[in-house]
Amino acid sequence: MSPFSAVSAPSAVPRTTAGTGEADGDVHVISFPKCGRTWLRVLMAKAISEARGLPMEICRDLELTEFSAVDSAVPRIVFRHDDRVGRRTPEQLSWDKSFYRDRKVVLVLRDVRDTVVSCYFQRSRRKDNPYSGGLGMFLTEPEGSVRTCLTFWNIWHARQDVPAAFLRTSYERLAADTAGELARVLRFCGLPPAGAEALRTAADFGDFASPRTMERADAPGAERLRPAVPGDPESSRTRHGVVGGFRDHLTREQTGHVNGLVRRRLVLPWQEAALAADHWRPPRAR
């Protein structure tokens, strides 16, 4: 299959992507599961809190729309996976993104190998959705695994002109320059500029390698940060967050399998992002 043939829309247009009881907003931050959406959510919440002088307690369970209710300068920013993509096969994904026509969209990508490993741990260890197969089996699952992820990205590559504005960011860009990439996302959302100090504070606050993060996970209203299995960090939504951490879990053959799928099925312009760990360099210590 040509990398570009993957983005041809099906002849029969499937159901629309639309809100399913979730809050609507001016900006929708979307991603495939385990691409760093929760991390970005924490960063944005803290940056807005610091820059606008709004207590974090307003932002209950990291619902950023609570900030908008008390400060009209803050746009309504909502976070969603879009199309319940973690529960669909590639053929079940919708190409109709007209729901976003008058809204801004931020799409968060991540190295697909890190993504699928993290998805596997969530599926196999979270109480609400146990997966009994091994990691190698999960790579070939038709629902919510590698092929679904790549098709989801192909669809958004083809439909990125549908929203009022579209921004692509990535886990690796945030990891390489957290404050700088956070500032870029906030500007796109239409927020008043956040100063360097507010950005640094947000970056430090969102450092999931810090012991303070686990302390915050035990605070009221921090359900999104808590591991599903107490004491098991592999069941957390954030896990370890290491770029290229898939190397500790995938065999050479399994890595080659995923790499081949990327090269055969994903549009060429986004292949580098899907294999970002291969050319990623950690940031220099400040």
C-alpha atoms as a PDB file:
ATOM      1  CA  MET A   1       0.000   0.000   0.000  1.00  0.00           C
ATOM      2  CA  SER A   2       1.283   3.439  -0.873  1.00  0.00           C
ATOM      3  CA  PRO A   3       1.623   5.777   2.110  1.00  0.00           C
ATOM      4  CA  PHE A   4      -0.726   8.172   0.367  1.00  0.00           C
ATOM      5  CA  SER A   5      -3.378   5.631  -0.595  1.00  0.00           C
ATOM      6  CA  ALA A   6      -4.095   5.218   3.102  1.00  0.00           C
ATOM      7  CA  VAL A   7      -5.751   8.624   3.285  1.00  0.00           C
ATOM      8  CA  SER A   8      -8.355   8.050   0.592  1.00  0.00           C
ATOM      9  CA  ALA A   9     -11.764   8.384   2.214  1.00  0.00           C
ATOM     10  CA  PRO A  10     -14.129   5.418   1.898  1.00  0.00           C
ATOM     11  CA  SER A  11     -16.829   5.669  -0.755  1.00  0.00           C
ATOM     12  CA  ALA A  12     -19.546   5.399   1.884  1.00  0.00           C
ATOM     13  CA  VAL A  13     -19.108   8.178   4.414  1.00  0.00           C
ATOM     14  CA  PRO A  14     -19.474   6.742   7.940  1.00  0.00           C
ATOM     15  CA  ARG A  15     -21.174   8.400  10.883  1.00  0.00           C
ATOM     16  CA  THR A  16     -20.006  11.844  11.888  1.00  0.00           C
ATOM     17  CA  THR A  17     -17.580  12.562  14.677  1.00  0.00           C
ATOM     18  CA  ALA A  18     -19.600  14.584  17.143  1.00  0.00           C
ATOM     19  CA  GLY A  19     -19.927  15.338  20.795  1.00  0.00           C
ATOM     20  CA  THR A  20     -21.232  12.397  22.810  1.00  0.00           C
ATOM     21  CA  GLY A  21     -22.381  14.117  25.965  1.00  0.00           C
ATOM     22  CA  GLU A  22     -18.979  15.694  26.523  1.00  0.00           C
ATOM     23  CA  ALA A  23     -18.523  19.392  27.138  1.00  0.00           C
ATOM     24  CA  ASP A  24     -18.172  21.489  24.012  1.00  0.00           C
ATOM     25  CA  GLY A  25     -15.494  24.109  23.667  1.00  0.00           C
ATOM     26  CA  ASP A  26     -13.737  26.697  21.548  1.00  0.00           C
ATOM     27  CA  VAL A  27     -10.618  24.498  21.441  1.00  0.00           C
ATOM     28  CA  HIS A  28     -10.595  20.705  21.340  1.00  0.00           C
ATOM     29  CA  VAL A  29      -7.365  18.962  22.345  1.00  0.00           C
ATOM     30  CA  ILE A  30      -7.530  15.469  20.882  1.00  0.00           C
ATOM     31  CA  SER A  31      -5.267  12.448  20.544  1.00  0.00           C
ATOM     32  CA  PHE A  32      -5.083   8.722  20.242  1.00  0.00           C
ATOM     33  CA  PRO A  33      -4.950   7.276  23.785  1.00  0.00           C
ATOM     34  CA  LYS A  34      -1.597   7.422  25.607  1.00  0.00           C
ATOM     35  CA  CYS A  35      -0.076  10.187  23.483  1.00  0.00           C
ATOM     36  CA  GLY A  36       0.434  12.644  26.346  1.00  0.00           C
ATOM     37  CA  ARG A  37      -2.936  14.365  26.404  1.00  0.00           C
ATOM     38  CA  THR A  38      -3.198  14.165  30.212  1.00  0.00           C
ATOM     39  CA  TRP A  39       0.315  15.585  30.574  1.00  0.00           C
ATOM     40  CA  LEU A  40      -0.538  18.510  28.300  1.00  0.00           C
ATOM     41  CA  ARG A  41      -3.743  18.985  30.268  1.00  0.00           C
ATOM     42  CA  VAL A  42      -1.780  19.313  33.520  1.00  0.00           C
ATOM     43  CA  LEU A  43       0.704  21.724  31.915  1.00  0.00           C
ATOM     44  CA  MET A  44      -2.004  23.946  30.467  1.00  0.00           C
ATOM     45  CA  ALA A  45      -4.006  23.989  33.691  1.00  0.00           C
ATOM     46  CA  LYS A  46      -1.013  25.080  35.747  1.00  0.00           C
ATOM     47  CA  ALA A  47       0.129  27.665  33.182  1.00  0.00           C
ATOM     48  CA  ILE A  48      -3.331  29.242  33.040  1.00  0.00           C
ATOM     49  CA  SER A  49      -3.547  29.197  36.820  1.00  0.00           C
ATOM     50  CA  GLU A  50      -0.192  30.958  37.179  1.00  0.00           C
ATOM     51  CA  ALA A  51      -0.626  33.449  34.337  1.00  0.00           C
ATOM     52  CA  ARG A  52      -4.203  34.454  35.199  1.00  0.00           C
ATOM     53  CA  GLY A  53      -3.920  34.265  38.995  1.00  0.00           C
ATOM     54  CA  LEU A  54      -6.591  31.580  39.211  1.00  0.00           C
ATOM     55  CA  PRO A  55      -6.389  28.929  41.960  1.00  0.00           C
ATOM     56  CA  MET A  56      -5.880  25.402  40.660  1.00  0.00           C
ATOM     57  CA  GLU A  57      -8.772  24.315  42.888  1.00  0.00           C
ATOM     58  CA  ILE A  58     -11.119  25.984  40.379  1.00  0.00           C
ATOM     59  CA  CYS A  59     -10.009  23.454  37.778  1.00  0.00           C
ATOM     60  CA  ARG A  60     -11.667  20.436  39.371  1.00  0.00           C
ATOM     61  CA  ASP A  61     -10.370  17.132  37.981  1.00  0.00           C
ATOM     62  CA  LEU A  62      -8.437  19.156  35.385  1.00  0.00           C
ATOM     63  CA  GLU A  63     -11.576  20.458  33.659  1.00  0.00           C
ATOM     64  CA  LEU A  64     -10.145  23.611  32.072  1.00  0.00           C
ATOM     65  CA  THR A  65     -13.596  24.929  31.188  1.00  0.00           C
ATOM     66  CA  GLU A  66     -13.959  25.789  34.883  1.00  0.00           C
ATOM     67  CA  PHE A  67     -11.374  28.546  34.329  1.00  0.00           C
ATOM     68  CA  SER A  68     -13.477  29.988  31.508  1.00  0.00           C
ATOM     69  CA  ALA A  69     -16.459  30.275  33.804  1.00  0.00           C
ATOM     70  CA  VAL A  70     -14.620  32.746  36.038  1.00  0.00           C
ATOM     71  CA  ASP A  71     -12.328  34.438  33.475  1.00  0.00           C
ATOM     72  CA  SER A  72     -13.788  35.344  30.084  1.00  0.00           C
ATOM     73  CA  ALA A  73     -10.278  35.772  28.638  1.00  0.00           C
ATOM     74  CA  VAL A  74      -9.751  32.011  28.892  1.00  0.00           C
ATOM     75  CA  PRO A  75     -11.305  30.101  25.967  1.00  0.00           C
ATOM     76  CA  ARG A  76     -13.260  26.946  26.649  1.00  0.00           C
ATOM     77  CA  ILE A  77     -10.653  24.203  26.219  1.00  0.00           C
ATOM     78  CA  VAL A  78     -11.842  20.598  26.259  1.00  0.00           C
ATOM     79  CA  PHE A  79      -9.906  17.345  26.003  1.00  0.00           C
ATOM     80  CA  ARG A  80     -11.200  14.272  24.198  1.00  0.00           C
ATOM     81  CA  HIS A  81      -9.912  11.236  22.350  1.00  0.00           C
ATOM     82  CA  ASP A  82     -12.247  11.941  19.388  1.00  0.00           C
ATOM     83  CA  ASP A  83     -14.412   9.192  17.894  1.00  0.00           C
ATOM     84  CA  ARG A  84     -13.797   6.809  20.838  1.00  0.00           C
ATOM     85  CA  VAL A  85     -10.798   5.789  18.788  1.00  0.00           C
ATOM     86  CA  GLY A  86      -9.359   3.382  21.341  1.00  0.00           C
ATOM     87  CA  ARG A  87     -12.400   1.144  20.898  1.00  0.00           C
ATOM     88  CA  ARG A  88     -12.608   1.064  17.091  1.00  0.00           C
ATOM     89  CA  THR A  89     -11.104  -0.832  14.202  1.00  0.00           C
ATOM     90  CA  PRO A  90      -9.600   1.187  11.334  1.00  0.00           C
ATOM     91  CA  GLU A  91     -12.716   0.568   9.242  1.00  0.00           C
ATOM     92  CA  GLN A  92     -14.979   1.938  11.964  1.00  0.00           C
ATOM     93  CA  LEU A  93     -13.283   5.335  12.197  1.00  0.00           C
ATOM     94  CA  SER A  94     -15.163   8.345  10.898  1.00  0.00           C
ATOM     95  CA  TRP A  95     -13.773  10.592   8.171  1.00  0.00           C
ATOM     96  CA  ASP A  96     -16.405  13.250   8.843  1.00  0.00           C
ATOM     97  CA  LYS A  97     -14.857  15.954  11.036  1.00  0.00           C
ATOM     98  CA  SER A  98     -17.486  18.610  10.340  1.00  0.00           C
ATOM     99  CA  PHE A  99     -18.197  18.820  14.078  1.00  0.00           C
ATOM    100  CA  TYR A 100     -14.926  20.762  14.366  1.00  0.00           C
ATOM    101  CA  ARG A 101     -15.608  23.197  11.533  1.00  0.00           C
ATOM    102  CA  ASP A 102     -16.033  26.259  13.785  1.00  0.00           C
ATOM    103  CA  ARG A 103     -13.613  25.066  16.457  1.00  0.00           C
ATOM    104  CA  LYS A 104      -9.858  24.964  16.891  1.00  0.00           C
ATOM    105  CA  VAL A 105      -8.192  21.557  17.144  1.00  0.00           C
ATOM    106  CA  VAL A 106      -4.896  20.622  18.791  1.00  0.00           C
ATOM    107  CA  LEU A 107      -3.785  17.113  17.811  1.00  0.00           C
ATOM    108  CA  VAL A 108      -1.186  15.435  20.025  1.00  0.00           C
ATOM    109  CA  LEU A 109       0.996  12.758  18.400  1.00  0.00           C
ATOM    110  CA  ARG A 110       3.577  10.422  19.930  1.00  0.00           C
ATOM    111  CA  ASP A 111       5.993   7.789  18.671  1.00  0.00           C
ATOM    112  CA  VAL A 112       3.567   5.017  17.784  1.00  0.00           C
ATOM    113  CA  ARG A 113       5.736   2.340  19.439  1.00  0.00           C
ATOM    114  CA  ASP A 114       5.707   4.171  22.773  1.00  0.00           C
ATOM    115  CA  THR A 115       2.000   4.792  22.261  1.00  0.00           C
ATOM    116  CA  VAL A 116       1.059   1.169  21.690  1.00  0.00           C
ATOM    117  CA  VAL A 117       3.183  -0.111  24.589  1.00  0.00           C
ATOM    118  CA  SER A 118       1.499   2.395  26.901  1.00  0.00           C
ATOM    119  CA  CYS A 119      -1.921   1.431  25.507  1.00  0.00           C
ATOM    120  CA  TYR A 120      -1.137  -2.215  26.219  1.00  0.00           C
ATOM    121  CA  PHE A 121      -0.283  -1.541  29.862  1.00  0.00           C
ATOM    122  CA  GLN A 122      -3.430   0.490  30.325  1.00  0.00           C
ATOM    123  CA  ARG A 123      -5.603  -2.136  28.661  1.00  0.00           C
ATOM    124  CA  SER A 124      -4.065  -5.002  30.606  1.00  0.00           C
ATOM    125  CA  ARG A 125      -3.837  -3.425  34.064  1.00  0.00           C
ATOM    126  CA  ARG A 126      -6.696  -0.977  34.434  1.00  0.00           C
ATOM    127  CA  LYS A 127      -9.685  -2.393  36.319  1.00  0.00           C
ATOM    128  CA  ASP A 128     -12.325  -1.239  33.862  1.00  0.00           C
ATOM    129  CA  ASN A 129     -10.828  -2.844  30.757  1.00  0.00           C
ATOM    130  CA  PRO A 130      -8.492  -5.805  31.322  1.00  0.00           C
ATOM    131  CA  TYR A 131      -6.666  -7.295  28.347  1.00  0.00           C
ATOM    132  CA  SER A 132      -5.540 -10.890  28.808  1.00  0.00           C
ATOM    133  CA  GLY A 133      -3.232 -11.317  25.809  1.00  0.00           C
ATOM    134  CA  GLY A 134       0.472 -10.545  25.621  1.00  0.00           C
ATOM    135  CA  LEU A 135       2.081  -7.448  24.153  1.00  0.00           C
ATOM    136  CA  GLY A 136       2.934  -9.220  20.896  1.00  0.00           C
ATOM    137  CA  MET A 137      -0.705 -10.184  20.442  1.00  0.00           C
ATOM    138  CA  PHE A 138      -1.832  -6.653  21.217  1.00  0.00           C
ATOM    139  CA  LEU A 139       0.258  -5.292  18.344  1.00  0.00           C
ATOM    140  CA  THR A 140      -1.955  -7.194  15.913  1.00  0.00           C
ATOM    141  CA  GLU A 141      -5.298  -6.412  17.554  1.00  0.00           C
ATOM    142  CA  PRO A 142      -7.781  -4.966  15.041  1.00  0.00           C
ATOM    143  CA  GLU A 143      -9.326  -2.664  17.661  1.00  0.00           C
ATOM    144  CA  GLY A 144      -7.489   0.223  19.345  1.00  0.00           C
ATOM    145  CA  SER A 145      -3.958  -0.828  18.422  1.00  0.00           C
ATOM    146  CA  VAL A 146      -1.324   0.082  15.804  1.00  0.00           C
ATOM    147  CA  ARG A 147      -3.467  -0.011  12.680  1.00  0.00           C
ATOM    148  CA  THR A 148      -6.251   1.989  14.294  1.00  0.00           C
ATOM    149  CA  CYS A 149      -3.758   4.604  15.487  1.00  0.00           C
ATOM    150  CA  LEU A 150      -2.185   5.004  12.049  1.00  0.00           C
ATOM    151  CA  THR A 151      -5.568   5.250  10.331  1.00  0.00           C
ATOM    152  CA  PHE A 152      -6.708   7.853  12.857  1.00  0.00           C
ATOM    153  CA  TRP A 153      -3.639   9.953  12.061  1.00  0.00           C
ATOM    154  CA  ASN A 154      -4.168   9.496   8.318  1.00  0.00           C
ATOM    155  CA  ILE A 155      -7.715  10.766   8.674  1.00  0.00           C
ATOM    156  CA  TRP A 156      -6.602  13.865  10.559  1.00  0.00           C
ATOM    157  CA  HIS A 157      -3.829  14.525   8.061  1.00  0.00           C
ATOM    158  CA  ALA A 158      -6.469  14.530   5.337  1.00  0.00           C
ATOM    159  CA  ARG A 159      -9.009  16.536   7.351  1.00  0.00           C
ATOM    160  CA  GLN A 160      -6.750  19.085   9.067  1.00  0.00           C
ATOM    161  CA  ASP A 161      -8.233  21.887   6.945  1.00  0.00           C
ATOM    162  CA  VAL A 162     -11.749  21.249   8.311  1.00  0.00           C
ATOM    163  CA  PRO A 163     -11.407  22.947  11.740  1.00  0.00           C
ATOM    164  CA  ALA A 164     -11.277  26.718  12.023  1.00  0.00           C
ATOM    165  CA  ALA A 165      -7.597  26.241  12.925  1.00  0.00           C
ATOM    166  CA  PHE A 166      -5.422  23.169  13.405  1.00  0.00           C
ATOM    167  CA  LEU A 167      -2.202  22.642  15.374  1.00  0.00           C
ATOM    168  CA  ARG A 168      -0.144  19.475  15.535  1.00  0.00           C
ATOM    169  CA  THR A 169       2.076  18.970  18.557  1.00  0.00           C
ATOM    170  CA  SER A 170       3.699  15.882  20.004  1.00  0.00           C
ATOM    171  CA  TYR A 171       4.836  14.219  23.183  1.00  0.00           C
ATOM    172  CA  GLU A 172       8.428  14.462  22.013  1.00  0.00           C
ATOM    173  CA  ARG A 173       8.223  18.194  21.302  1.00  0.00           C
ATOM    174  CA  LEU A 174       6.876  18.743  24.803  1.00  0.00           C
ATOM    175  CA  ALA A 175       9.601  16.564  26.281  1.00  0.00           C
ATOM    176  CA  ALA A 176      12.366  18.375  24.385  1.00  0.00           C
ATOM    177  CA  ASP A 177      11.216  21.922  25.269  1.00  0.00           C
ATOM    178  CA  THR A 178       8.298  21.789  27.660  1.00  0.00           C
ATOM    179  CA  ALA A 179       7.976  25.525  28.331  1.00  0.00           C
ATOM    180  CA  GLY A 180       8.517  26.524  24.699  1.00  0.00           C
ATOM    181  CA  GLU A 181       6.061  24.028  23.240  1.00  0.00           C
ATOM    182  CA  LEU A 182       3.517  24.796  25.946  1.00  0.00           C
ATOM    183  CA  ALA A 183       3.754  28.483  25.024  1.00  0.00           C
ATOM    184  CA  ARG A 184       3.107  27.588  21.362  1.00  0.00           C
ATOM    185  CA  VAL A 185      -0.013  25.614  22.267  1.00  0.00           C
ATOM    186  CA  LEU A 186      -1.338  28.346  24.553  1.00  0.00           C
ATOM    187  CA  ARG A 187      -0.854  31.000  21.845  1.00  0.00           C
ATOM    188  CA  PHE A 188      -2.732  28.850  19.356  1.00  0.00           C
ATOM    189  CA  CYS A 189      -5.620  28.478  21.798  1.00  0.00           C
ATOM    190  CA  GLY A 190      -5.926  32.261  21.932  1.00  0.00           C
ATOM    191  CA  LEU A 191      -4.848  32.686  25.530  1.00  0.00           C
ATOM    192  CA  PRO A 192      -3.175  35.886  26.731  1.00  0.00           C
ATOM    193  CA  PRO A 193       0.612  35.424  26.792  1.00  0.00           C
ATOM    194  CA  ALA A 194       2.013  33.528  29.757  1.00  0.00           C
ATOM    195  CA  GLY A 195       5.297  34.848  31.106  1.00  0.00           C
ATOM    196  CA  ALA A 196       8.481  32.810  31.326  1.00  0.00           C
ATOM    197  CA  GLU A 197       8.048  32.279  35.065  1.00  0.00           C
ATOM    198  CA  ALA A 198       4.517  30.901  34.668  1.00  0.00           C
ATOM    199  CA  LEU A 199       5.710  28.552  31.921  1.00  0.00           C
ATOM    200  CA  ARG A 200       8.636  27.304  34.002  1.00  0.00           C
ATOM    201  CA  THR A 201       6.368  26.748  36.995  1.00  0.00           C
ATOM    202  CA  ALA A 202       3.948  24.777  34.824  1.00  0.00           C
ATOM    203  CA  ALA A 203       6.782  22.680  33.378  1.00  0.00           C
ATOM    204  CA  ASP A 204       8.061  21.856  36.868  1.00  0.00           C
ATOM    205  CA  PHE A 205       4.552  21.086  38.087  1.00  0.00           C
ATOM    206  CA  GLY A 206       3.979  18.690  35.200  1.00  0.00           C
ATOM    207  CA  ASP A 207       7.212  16.774  35.712  1.00  0.00           C
ATOM    208  CA  PHE A 208       5.900  13.249  36.234  1.00  0.00           C
ATOM    209  CA  ALA A 209       9.348  12.038  37.283  1.00  0.00           C
ATOM    210  CA  SER A 210       9.013  14.159  40.405  1.00  0.00           C
ATOM    211  CA  PRO A 211       7.849  12.533  43.654  1.00  0.00           C
ATOM    212  CA  ARG A 212       5.557  15.539  44.086  1.00  0.00           C
ATOM    213  CA  THR A 213       3.418  14.208  41.265  1.00  0.00           C
ATOM    214  CA  MET A 214       2.398  11.149  43.225  1.00  0.00           C
ATOM    215  CA  GLU A 215       1.621  13.390  46.186  1.00  0.00           C
ATOM    216  CA  ARG A 216      -0.610  15.504  43.943  1.00  0.00           C
ATOM    217  CA  ALA A 217      -2.287  12.327  42.696  1.00  0.00           C
ATOM    218  CA  ASP A 218      -3.580  11.774  46.228  1.00  0.00           C
ATOM    219  CA  ALA A 219      -5.046  15.255  46.430  1.00  0.00           C
ATOM    220  CA  PRO A 220      -8.819  15.819  46.138  1.00  0.00           C
ATOM    221  CA  GLY A 221      -9.953  16.190  42.530  1.00  0.00           C
ATOM    222  CA  ALA A 222      -6.855  14.532  41.020  1.00  0.00           C
ATOM    223  CA  GLU A 223      -8.537  11.299  39.931  1.00  0.00           C
ATOM    224  CA  ARG A 224      -7.040  11.551  36.447  1.00  0.00           C
ATOM    225  CA  LEU A 225      -3.505  11.149  37.825  1.00  0.00           C
ATOM    226  CA  ARG A 226      -4.077   8.151  40.070  1.00  0.00           C
ATOM    227  CA  PRO A 227      -2.973   4.617  39.130  1.00  0.00           C
ATOM    228  CA  ALA A 228      -5.874   2.216  38.580  1.00  0.00           C
ATOM    229  CA  VAL A 229      -4.054  -0.323  40.736  1.00  0.00           C
ATOM    230  CA  PRO A 230      -2.681   1.331  43.901  1.00  0.00           C
ATOM    231  CA  GLY A 231       1.089   1.068  44.039  1.00  0.00           C
ATOM    232  CA  ASP A 232       1.419  -0.056  40.399  1.00  0.00           C
ATOM    233  CA  PRO A 233       2.779   2.836  38.279  1.00  0.00           C
ATOM    234  CA  GLU A 234       2.298   0.776  35.099  1.00  0.00           C
ATOM    235  CA  SER A 235      -1.474   1.196  35.554  1.00  0.00           C
ATOM    236  CA  SER A 236      -1.262   4.980  35.710  1.00  0.00           C
ATOM    237  CA  ARG A 237      -2.465   7.191  32.871  1.00  0.00           C
ATOM    238  CA  THR A 238       0.926   8.846  32.799  1.00  0.00           C
ATOM    239  CA  ARG A 239       3.265   5.875  33.490  1.00  0.00           C
ATOM    240  CA  HIS A 240       6.969   6.704  33.120  1.00  0.00           C
ATOM    241  CA  GLY A 241       6.858   9.026  30.119  1.00  0.00           C
ATOM    242  CA  VAL A 242      10.266   8.002  28.739  1.00  0.00           C
ATOM    243  CA  VAL A 243      10.780   8.794  25.058  1.00  0.00           C
ATOM    244  CA  GLY A 244      11.819   5.534  23.414  1.00  0.00           C
ATOM    245  CA  GLY A 245      10.759   3.450  26.402  1.00  0.00           C
ATOM    246  CA  PHE A 246       9.274   0.897  23.999  1.00  0.00           C
ATOM    247  CA  ARG A 247      12.801  -0.537  23.636  1.00  0.00           C
ATOM    248  CA  ASP A 248      12.450  -2.051  27.109  1.00  0.00           C
ATOM    249  CA  HIS A 249       9.339  -3.972  26.066  1.00  0.00           C
ATOM    250  CA  LEU A 250       9.322  -4.717  22.323  1.00  0.00           C
ATOM    251  CA  THR A 251      11.579  -7.291  20.739  1.00  0.00           C
ATOM    252  CA  ARG A 252      13.569  -6.392  17.629  1.00  0.00           C
ATOM    253  CA  GLU A 253      11.059  -8.331  15.519  1.00  0.00           C
ATOM    254  CA  GLN A 254       8.084  -6.574  17.110  1.00  0.00           C
ATOM    255  CA  THR A 255       9.710  -3.175  16.598  1.00  0.00           C
ATOM    256  CA  GLY A 256      10.378  -4.042  12.968  1.00  0.00           C
ATOM    257  CA  HIS A 257       6.739  -5.078  12.547  1.00  0.00           C
ATOM    258  CA  VAL A 258       5.475  -1.712  13.799  1.00  0.00           C
ATOM    259  CA  ASN A 259       8.076   0.205  11.781  1.00  0.00           C
ATOM    260  CA  GLY A 260       6.908  -1.606   8.660  1.00  0.00           C
ATOM    261  CA  LEU A 261       3.286  -0.726   9.321  1.00  0.00           C
ATOM    262  CA  VAL A 262       4.232   2.942   9.703  1.00  0.00           C
ATOM    263  CA  ARG A 263       6.093   2.989   6.391  1.00  0.00           C
ATOM    264  CA  ARG A 264       3.336   1.146   4.522  1.00  0.00           C
ATOM    265  CA  ARG A 265       0.227   2.673   6.053  1.00  0.00           C
ATOM    266  CA  LEU A 266       0.950   6.182   7.342  1.00  0.00           C
ATOM    267  CA  VAL A 267       1.142   9.267   5.160  1.00  0.00           C
ATOM    268  CA  LEU A 268       4.742  10.192   4.479  1.00  0.00           C
ATOM    269  CA  PRO A 269       4.683  13.690   6.073  1.00  0.00           C
ATOM    270  CA  TRP A 270       3.777  12.243   9.483  1.00  0.00           C
ATOM    271  CA  GLN A 271       6.020   9.180   9.474  1.00  0.00           C
ATOM    272  CA  GLU A 272       8.836  11.030  11.210  1.00  0.00           C
ATOM    273  CA  ALA A 273       6.504  11.908  14.089  1.00  0.00           C
ATOM    274  CA  ALA A 274       5.369   8.284  14.339  1.00  0.00           C
ATOM    275  CA  LEU A 275       9.009   7.154  14.711  1.00  0.00           C
ATOM    276  CA  ALA A 276      10.142  10.209  16.670  1.00  0.00           C
ATOM    277  CA  ALA A 277      12.189   8.308  19.249  1.00  0.00           C
ATOM    278  CA  ASP A 278      14.655   7.256  16.538  1.00  0.00           C
ATOM    279  CA  HIS A 279      15.967  10.808  16.182  1.00  0.00           C
ATOM    280  CA  TRP A 280      15.023  12.340  19.537  1.00  0.00           C
ATOM    281  CA  ARG A 281      17.691  13.806  21.791  1.00  0.00           C
ATOM    282  CA  PRO A 282      17.020  14.585  25.459  1.00  0.00           C
ATOM    283  CA  PRO A 283      17.123  18.268  26.384  1.00  0.00           C
ATOM    284  CA  ARG A 284      20.182  19.643  28.064  1.00  0.00           C
ATOM    285  CA  ALA A 285      19.972  20.061  31.818  1.00  0.00           C
ATOM    286  CA  ARG A 286      19.046  23.598  32.817  1.00  0.00           C
END
